[in-house]
């Protein structure tokens, strides 16, 4: 994929590098018996809405946008290296119902997967199950239409299970394990508790919860006064 050298490194990626350096400095000082000069690091919880989108492999990209097609950055996302692309497609359900201008998220993946909310699924006439990203076996398909062609997916349409990305340090701070189900509480004018938030732990991740559009609207996330993760 084009590395887009003229696009500045996103703030979140810089934050991650700084956090890693600071954590290591704390660990080194403690190992040497030196008391840190500042307060210990604590997790910074971020909750974002993940709107409908598509992940695509290279074969799908070329079918929809032509030979040699590459994804180009529209906006960097919170997770390092991930972005909303300029490339958009139309999703068509089994009865001809369509949703247009659905963005592809980059970089290119090793499979093609469509993530929608329950409202989107009903509008398309697709019975999309709740699954973790990448778990598409036995899921319904759809028709994808791009500017240079179309492709009929036999499977791959899901409603993404609500989840939280954590680094190993974040997971240790919370006392969570990879795959564990935890609880998210959102405060505000419409306080809401979400059960069944699955932990996904990887050293590449920044601490971030993903809700879909329906879930974000249900708790009025944009006006939330606070968020909290508990076991």
C-alpha atoms as a PDB file:
ATOM      1  CA  UNK A   1       0.000   0.000   0.000  1.00  0.00           C
ATOM      2  CA  UNK A   2       1.102   3.595  -0.633  1.00  0.00           C
ATOM      3  CA  UNK A   3       2.718   4.833   2.580  1.00  0.00           C
ATOM      4  CA  UNK A   4       1.401   8.397   1.950  1.00  0.00           C
ATOM      5  CA  UNK A   5       4.693  10.092   3.017  1.00  0.00           C
ATOM      6  CA  UNK A   6       3.275  13.621   2.726  1.00  0.00           C
ATOM      7  CA  UNK A   7       0.546  12.996   5.309  1.00  0.00           C
ATOM      8  CA  UNK A   8       1.714  13.890   8.854  1.00  0.00           C
ATOM      9  CA  UNK A   9       1.812  11.177  11.493  1.00  0.00           C
ATOM     10  CA  UNK A  10      -1.510  11.337  13.360  1.00  0.00           C
ATOM     11  CA  UNK A  11      -1.499  12.743  16.885  1.00  0.00           C
ATOM     12  CA  UNK A  12      -2.658   9.405  18.301  1.00  0.00           C
ATOM     13  CA  UNK A  13       0.382   7.624  16.887  1.00  0.00           C
ATOM     14  CA  UNK A  14       2.708  10.213  18.402  1.00  0.00           C
ATOM     15  CA  UNK A  15       0.887   9.827  21.725  1.00  0.00           C
ATOM     16  CA  UNK A  16       1.409   6.091  21.616  1.00  0.00           C
ATOM     17  CA  UNK A  17       5.144   6.449  21.051  1.00  0.00           C
ATOM     18  CA  UNK A  18       5.439   8.949  23.895  1.00  0.00           C
ATOM     19  CA  UNK A  19       3.412   6.708  26.214  1.00  0.00           C
ATOM     20  CA  UNK A  20       5.594   3.719  25.435  1.00  0.00           C
ATOM     21  CA  UNK A  21       8.753   5.719  26.205  1.00  0.00           C
ATOM     22  CA  UNK A  22       7.315   7.088  29.459  1.00  0.00           C
ATOM     23  CA  UNK A  23       6.160   3.654  30.629  1.00  0.00           C
ATOM     24  CA  UNK A  24       9.577   2.181  29.926  1.00  0.00           C
ATOM     25  CA  UNK A  25      11.265   5.017  31.809  1.00  0.00           C
ATOM     26  CA  UNK A  26       9.031   4.364  34.835  1.00  0.00           C
ATOM     27  CA  UNK A  27       9.814   0.638  34.645  1.00  0.00           C
ATOM     28  CA  UNK A  28      13.570   1.272  34.343  1.00  0.00           C
ATOM     29  CA  UNK A  29      13.606   3.675  37.293  1.00  0.00           C
ATOM     30  CA  UNK A  30      11.621   1.300  39.481  1.00  0.00           C
ATOM     31  CA  UNK A  31      13.902  -1.596  38.539  1.00  0.00           C
ATOM     32  CA  UNK A  32      16.895   0.528  39.550  1.00  0.00           C
ATOM     33  CA  UNK A  33      15.297   1.407  42.882  1.00  0.00           C
ATOM     34  CA  UNK A  34      14.764   5.050  41.904  1.00  0.00           C
ATOM     35  CA  UNK A  35      11.490   6.691  42.904  1.00  0.00           C
ATOM     36  CA  UNK A  36       9.763   8.224  39.855  1.00  0.00           C
ATOM     37  CA  UNK A  37       9.580  12.020  39.872  1.00  0.00           C
ATOM     38  CA  UNK A  38       6.032  12.169  38.565  1.00  0.00           C
ATOM     39  CA  UNK A  39       2.733  10.420  39.212  1.00  0.00           C
ATOM     40  CA  UNK A  40       2.444   6.922  37.791  1.00  0.00           C
ATOM     41  CA  UNK A  41       0.858   6.435  34.404  1.00  0.00           C
ATOM     42  CA  UNK A  42      -2.885   5.743  34.369  1.00  0.00           C
ATOM     43  CA  UNK A  43      -5.064   4.618  31.447  1.00  0.00           C
ATOM     44  CA  UNK A  44      -6.789   7.230  29.285  1.00  0.00           C
ATOM     45  CA  UNK A  45     -10.137   5.749  28.245  1.00  0.00           C
ATOM     46  CA  UNK A  46     -11.566   6.878  24.909  1.00  0.00           C
ATOM     47  CA  UNK A  47     -14.959   5.758  23.545  1.00  0.00           C
ATOM     48  CA  UNK A  48     -15.746   6.260  19.856  1.00  0.00           C
ATOM     49  CA  UNK A  49     -18.581   5.422  17.490  1.00  0.00           C
ATOM     50  CA  UNK A  50     -17.626   3.139  14.614  1.00  0.00           C
ATOM     51  CA  UNK A  51     -20.041   3.961  11.790  1.00  0.00           C
ATOM     52  CA  UNK A  52     -20.879   1.576   8.935  1.00  0.00           C
ATOM     53  CA  UNK A  53     -17.789   0.697   6.909  1.00  0.00           C
ATOM     54  CA  UNK A  54     -16.034  -1.858   4.779  1.00  0.00           C
ATOM     55  CA  UNK A  55     -12.725  -3.688   5.141  1.00  0.00           C
ATOM     56  CA  UNK A  56     -11.469  -4.957   1.805  1.00  0.00           C
ATOM     57  CA  UNK A  57      -8.776  -7.269   0.515  1.00  0.00           C
ATOM     58  CA  UNK A  58      -6.763  -6.343  -2.579  1.00  0.00           C
ATOM     59  CA  UNK A  59      -8.772  -8.530  -4.940  1.00  0.00           C
ATOM     60  CA  UNK A  60     -11.967  -6.755  -3.883  1.00  0.00           C
ATOM     61  CA  UNK A  61     -10.337  -3.328  -4.229  1.00  0.00           C
ATOM     62  CA  UNK A  62      -9.240  -4.076  -7.775  1.00  0.00           C
ATOM     63  CA  UNK A  63     -12.671  -5.414  -8.693  1.00  0.00           C
ATOM     64  CA  UNK A  64     -14.386  -2.257  -7.374  1.00  0.00           C
ATOM     65  CA  UNK A  65     -11.814   0.402  -8.321  1.00  0.00           C
ATOM     66  CA  UNK A  66      -9.749  -1.122 -11.110  1.00  0.00           C
ATOM     67  CA  UNK A  67      -6.370  -2.857 -11.464  1.00  0.00           C
ATOM     68  CA  UNK A  68      -3.675  -1.575  -9.100  1.00  0.00           C
ATOM     69  CA  UNK A  69      -6.198   0.313  -6.959  1.00  0.00           C
ATOM     70  CA  UNK A  70      -4.851   1.651  -3.649  1.00  0.00           C
ATOM     71  CA  UNK A  71      -6.605   3.176  -0.657  1.00  0.00           C
ATOM     72  CA  UNK A  72      -5.856   6.843  -0.017  1.00  0.00           C
ATOM     73  CA  UNK A  73      -6.194   8.594   3.337  1.00  0.00           C
ATOM     74  CA  UNK A  74      -9.282  10.725   3.993  1.00  0.00           C
ATOM     75  CA  UNK A  75      -8.889  10.884   7.784  1.00  0.00           C
ATOM     76  CA  UNK A  76      -6.661   9.086  10.277  1.00  0.00           C
ATOM     77  CA  UNK A  77      -8.456   7.026  12.914  1.00  0.00           C
ATOM     78  CA  UNK A  78      -7.575   6.708  16.587  1.00  0.00           C
ATOM     79  CA  UNK A  79      -5.763   3.377  16.294  1.00  0.00           C
ATOM     80  CA  UNK A  80      -2.224   3.857  14.916  1.00  0.00           C
ATOM     81  CA  UNK A  81      -1.886   3.248  11.192  1.00  0.00           C
ATOM     82  CA  UNK A  82      -5.628   2.939  10.539  1.00  0.00           C
ATOM     83  CA  UNK A  83      -7.596   5.410   8.445  1.00  0.00           C
ATOM     84  CA  UNK A  84     -10.893   6.180   6.740  1.00  0.00           C
ATOM     85  CA  UNK A  85     -10.155   6.196   3.031  1.00  0.00           C
ATOM     86  CA  UNK A  86     -11.340   8.396   0.205  1.00  0.00           C
ATOM     87  CA  UNK A  87     -12.757   5.304  -1.477  1.00  0.00           C
ATOM     88  CA  UNK A  88     -16.460   4.648  -1.003  1.00  0.00           C
ATOM     89  CA  UNK A  89     -18.878   1.972  -2.209  1.00  0.00           C
ATOM     90  CA  UNK A  90     -22.572   1.154  -2.335  1.00  0.00           C
ATOM     91  CA  UNK A  91     -23.912  -1.811  -0.354  1.00  0.00           C
ATOM     92  CA  UNK A  92     -26.918  -3.547  -1.911  1.00  0.00           C
ATOM     93  CA  UNK A  93     -29.077  -6.015   0.012  1.00  0.00           C
ATOM     94  CA  UNK A  94     -30.935  -9.074  -1.323  1.00  0.00           C
ATOM     95  CA  UNK A  95     -34.082  -7.128  -2.211  1.00  0.00           C
ATOM     96  CA  UNK A  96     -32.291  -4.285  -3.955  1.00  0.00           C
ATOM     97  CA  UNK A  97     -32.192  -1.963  -0.952  1.00  0.00           C
ATOM     98  CA  UNK A  98     -28.995   0.062  -0.950  1.00  0.00           C
ATOM     99  CA  UNK A  99     -26.824   2.256   1.265  1.00  0.00           C
ATOM    100  CA  UNK A 100     -24.496   4.547  -0.671  1.00  0.00           C
ATOM    101  CA  UNK A 101     -21.164   6.229   0.161  1.00  0.00           C
ATOM    102  CA  UNK A 102     -19.916   3.621   2.619  1.00  0.00           C
ATOM    103  CA  UNK A 103     -16.235   4.248   3.326  1.00  0.00           C
ATOM    104  CA  UNK A 104     -13.539   1.630   3.149  1.00  0.00           C
ATOM    105  CA  UNK A 105     -11.191   1.625   6.145  1.00  0.00           C
ATOM    106  CA  UNK A 106      -7.495   1.132   5.500  1.00  0.00           C
ATOM    107  CA  UNK A 107      -5.073  -0.385   5.233  1.00  0.00           C
ATOM    108  CA  UNK A 108      -6.180  -3.271   3.013  1.00  0.00           C
ATOM    109  CA  UNK A 109      -7.033  -6.468   4.900  1.00  0.00           C
ATOM    110  CA  UNK A 110      -6.713 -10.167   4.114  1.00  0.00           C
ATOM    111  CA  UNK A 111     -10.507 -10.521   3.883  1.00  0.00           C
ATOM    112  CA  UNK A 112     -13.507  -8.442   2.893  1.00  0.00           C
ATOM    113  CA  UNK A 113     -16.004  -7.608   5.622  1.00  0.00           C
ATOM    114  CA  UNK A 114     -18.942  -5.195   5.882  1.00  0.00           C
ATOM    115  CA  UNK A 115     -19.779  -3.781   9.330  1.00  0.00           C
ATOM    116  CA  UNK A 116     -23.224  -2.234   9.830  1.00  0.00           C
ATOM    117  CA  UNK A 117     -25.538  -1.302  12.686  1.00  0.00           C
ATOM    118  CA  UNK A 118     -28.844  -3.062  13.345  1.00  0.00           C
ATOM    119  CA  UNK A 119     -30.674  -0.111  11.756  1.00  0.00           C
ATOM    120  CA  UNK A 120     -28.519  -0.461   8.635  1.00  0.00           C
ATOM    121  CA  UNK A 121     -29.093  -4.209   8.506  1.00  0.00           C
ATOM    122  CA  UNK A 122     -32.863  -3.761   8.696  1.00  0.00           C
ATOM    123  CA  UNK A 123     -32.727  -1.106   5.969  1.00  0.00           C
ATOM    124  CA  UNK A 124     -30.750  -3.447   3.719  1.00  0.00           C
ATOM    125  CA  UNK A 125     -32.949  -6.454   4.482  1.00  0.00           C
ATOM    126  CA  UNK A 126     -29.985  -8.444   5.824  1.00  0.00           C
ATOM    127  CA  UNK A 127     -30.073 -10.514   9.019  1.00  0.00           C
ATOM    128  CA  UNK A 128     -26.552  -9.560  10.118  1.00  0.00           C
ATOM    129  CA  UNK A 129     -25.284 -11.408  13.204  1.00  0.00           C
ATOM    130  CA  UNK A 130     -23.181  -9.889  15.997  1.00  0.00           C
ATOM    131  CA  UNK A 131     -19.583 -11.025  15.469  1.00  0.00           C
ATOM    132  CA  UNK A 132     -16.045  -9.992  16.260  1.00  0.00           C
ATOM    133  CA  UNK A 133     -14.121  -8.538  13.350  1.00  0.00           C
ATOM    134  CA  UNK A 134     -12.765 -11.328  11.149  1.00  0.00           C
ATOM    135  CA  UNK A 135     -15.322 -13.919  12.274  1.00  0.00           C
ATOM    136  CA  UNK A 136     -17.389 -14.052   9.103  1.00  0.00           C
ATOM    137  CA  UNK A 137     -17.917 -17.790   8.583  1.00  0.00           C
ATOM    138  CA  UNK A 138     -21.584 -18.467   7.899  1.00  0.00           C
ATOM    139  CA  UNK A 139     -22.590 -14.785   7.782  1.00  0.00           C
ATOM    140  CA  UNK A 140     -24.805 -13.320   5.021  1.00  0.00           C
ATOM    141  CA  UNK A 141     -23.399 -11.598   1.983  1.00  0.00           C
ATOM    142  CA  UNK A 142     -24.332  -8.614  -0.149  1.00  0.00           C
ATOM    143  CA  UNK A 143     -23.541  -6.877  -3.422  1.00  0.00           C
ATOM    144  CA  UNK A 144     -20.793  -4.228  -3.379  1.00  0.00           C
ATOM    145  CA  UNK A 145     -20.768  -1.645  -6.150  1.00  0.00           C
ATOM    146  CA  UNK A 146     -17.791   0.606  -6.920  1.00  0.00           C
ATOM    147  CA  UNK A 147     -16.937   3.032  -9.733  1.00  0.00           C
ATOM    148  CA  UNK A 148     -15.162   0.366 -11.821  1.00  0.00           C
ATOM    149  CA  UNK A 149     -17.160  -2.754 -11.067  1.00  0.00           C
ATOM    150  CA  UNK A 150     -19.121  -4.808  -8.578  1.00  0.00           C
ATOM    151  CA  UNK A 151     -18.646  -7.970  -6.544  1.00  0.00           C
ATOM    152  CA  UNK A 152     -21.107 -10.367  -4.956  1.00  0.00           C
ATOM    153  CA  UNK A 153     -20.001 -11.335  -1.449  1.00  0.00           C
ATOM    154  CA  UNK A 154     -21.118 -14.792  -0.377  1.00  0.00           C
ATOM    155  CA  UNK A 155     -20.511 -13.859   3.271  1.00  0.00           C
ATOM    156  CA  UNK A 156     -19.048 -11.038   5.353  1.00  0.00           C
ATOM    157  CA  UNK A 157     -21.860  -8.770   6.587  1.00  0.00           C
ATOM    158  CA  UNK A 158     -21.805  -8.411  10.386  1.00  0.00           C
ATOM    159  CA  UNK A 159     -22.831  -6.193  13.256  1.00  0.00           C
ATOM    160  CA  UNK A 160     -19.562  -5.666  15.119  1.00  0.00           C
ATOM    161  CA  UNK A 161     -19.578  -6.839  18.716  1.00  0.00           C
ATOM    162  CA  UNK A 162     -18.890  -3.937  21.059  1.00  0.00           C
ATOM    163  CA  UNK A 163     -15.286  -4.169  22.166  1.00  0.00           C
ATOM    164  CA  UNK A 164     -12.363  -2.376  23.776  1.00  0.00           C
ATOM    165  CA  UNK A 165      -8.827  -2.180  22.394  1.00  0.00           C
ATOM    166  CA  UNK A 166      -6.155  -2.346  25.106  1.00  0.00           C
ATOM    167  CA  UNK A 167      -2.382  -2.488  25.181  1.00  0.00           C
ATOM    168  CA  UNK A 168      -0.890  -5.040  27.606  1.00  0.00           C
ATOM    169  CA  UNK A 169      -0.167  -2.141  30.012  1.00  0.00           C
ATOM    170  CA  UNK A 170      -3.799  -0.976  29.811  1.00  0.00           C
ATOM    171  CA  UNK A 171      -5.056  -4.513  30.405  1.00  0.00           C
ATOM    172  CA  UNK A 172      -2.766  -4.911  33.427  1.00  0.00           C
ATOM    173  CA  UNK A 173      -3.926  -1.570  34.879  1.00  0.00           C
ATOM    174  CA  UNK A 174      -7.571  -2.653  34.618  1.00  0.00           C
ATOM    175  CA  UNK A 175      -6.943  -6.278  35.557  1.00  0.00           C
ATOM    176  CA  UNK A 176      -8.516  -7.455  32.276  1.00  0.00           C
ATOM    177  CA  UNK A 177      -7.501 -10.328  29.991  1.00  0.00           C
ATOM    178  CA  UNK A 178      -7.752 -10.752  26.238  1.00  0.00           C
ATOM    179  CA  UNK A 179     -11.212 -12.051  25.333  1.00  0.00           C
ATOM    180  CA  UNK A 180     -12.744 -11.089  28.694  1.00  0.00           C
ATOM    181  CA  UNK A 181     -16.229  -9.566  28.723  1.00  0.00           C
ATOM    182  CA  UNK A 182     -16.424  -6.282  30.645  1.00  0.00           C
ATOM    183  CA  UNK A 183     -18.940  -3.502  31.275  1.00  0.00           C
ATOM    184  CA  UNK A 184     -18.985   0.071  29.977  1.00  0.00           C
ATOM    185  CA  UNK A 185     -20.929   2.788  31.761  1.00  0.00           C
ATOM    186  CA  UNK A 186     -21.647   6.048  29.935  1.00  0.00           C
ATOM    187  CA  UNK A 187     -22.786   9.000  32.031  1.00  0.00           C
ATOM    188  CA  UNK A 188     -24.811  11.984  30.885  1.00  0.00           C
ATOM    189  CA  UNK A 189     -28.404  12.940  30.143  1.00  0.00           C
ATOM    190  CA  UNK A 190     -29.064   9.376  28.998  1.00  0.00           C
ATOM    191  CA  UNK A 191     -26.918   7.195  31.320  1.00  0.00           C
ATOM    192  CA  UNK A 192     -26.400   3.744  29.876  1.00  0.00           C
ATOM    193  CA  UNK A 193     -24.532   0.574  30.831  1.00  0.00           C
ATOM    194  CA  UNK A 194     -23.302  -1.738  28.078  1.00  0.00           C
ATOM    195  CA  UNK A 195     -22.677  -5.369  29.002  1.00  0.00           C
ATOM    196  CA  UNK A 196     -20.622  -7.779  26.937  1.00  0.00           C
ATOM    197  CA  UNK A 197     -17.803  -5.470  25.863  1.00  0.00           C
ATOM    198  CA  UNK A 198     -15.063  -7.836  24.685  1.00  0.00           C
ATOM    199  CA  UNK A 199     -11.427  -7.069  25.496  1.00  0.00           C
ATOM    200  CA  UNK A 200      -8.951  -7.174  22.629  1.00  0.00           C
ATOM    201  CA  UNK A 201      -5.373  -6.888  23.876  1.00  0.00           C
ATOM    202  CA  UNK A 202      -2.400  -6.159  21.617  1.00  0.00           C
ATOM    203  CA  UNK A 203       0.781  -4.129  22.038  1.00  0.00           C
ATOM    204  CA  UNK A 204      -0.168  -2.082  18.962  1.00  0.00           C
ATOM    205  CA  UNK A 205      -3.441  -0.820  20.444  1.00  0.00           C
ATOM    206  CA  UNK A 206      -4.392   2.446  22.085  1.00  0.00           C
ATOM    207  CA  UNK A 207      -7.090   2.241  24.760  1.00  0.00           C
ATOM    208  CA  UNK A 208     -10.387   2.716  22.935  1.00  0.00           C
ATOM    209  CA  UNK A 209     -13.931   1.328  23.112  1.00  0.00           C
ATOM    210  CA  UNK A 210     -15.853   0.920  19.859  1.00  0.00           C
ATOM    211  CA  UNK A 211     -19.639   1.219  19.812  1.00  0.00           C
ATOM    212  CA  UNK A 212     -21.739   1.160  16.662  1.00  0.00           C
ATOM    213  CA  UNK A 213     -23.964   4.038  15.592  1.00  0.00           C
ATOM    214  CA  UNK A 214     -27.114   2.683  17.232  1.00  0.00           C
ATOM    215  CA  UNK A 215     -25.304   2.134  20.524  1.00  0.00           C
ATOM    216  CA  UNK A 216     -23.678   5.556  20.417  1.00  0.00           C
ATOM    217  CA  UNK A 217     -26.998   7.243  19.746  1.00  0.00           C
ATOM    218  CA  UNK A 218     -28.750   5.257  22.487  1.00  0.00           C
ATOM    219  CA  UNK A 219     -26.461   6.714  25.164  1.00  0.00           C
ATOM    220  CA  UNK A 220     -26.034  10.138  23.486  1.00  0.00           C
ATOM    221  CA  UNK A 221     -22.294   9.521  23.475  1.00  0.00           C
ATOM    222  CA  UNK A 222     -21.410  12.903  21.942  1.00  0.00           C
ATOM    223  CA  UNK A 223     -22.692  14.628  25.090  1.00  0.00           C
ATOM    224  CA  UNK A 224     -21.460  12.064  27.618  1.00  0.00           C
ATOM    225  CA  UNK A 225     -20.146  13.440  30.898  1.00  0.00           C
ATOM    226  CA  UNK A 226     -17.985  10.427  31.681  1.00  0.00           C
ATOM    227  CA  UNK A 227     -17.154   6.833  30.727  1.00  0.00           C
ATOM    228  CA  UNK A 228     -16.041   3.946  32.922  1.00  0.00           C
ATOM    229  CA  UNK A 229     -14.929   0.356  32.309  1.00  0.00           C
ATOM    230  CA  UNK A 230     -15.491  -2.292  34.992  1.00  0.00           C
ATOM    231  CA  UNK A 231     -15.240  -6.073  35.171  1.00  0.00           C
END
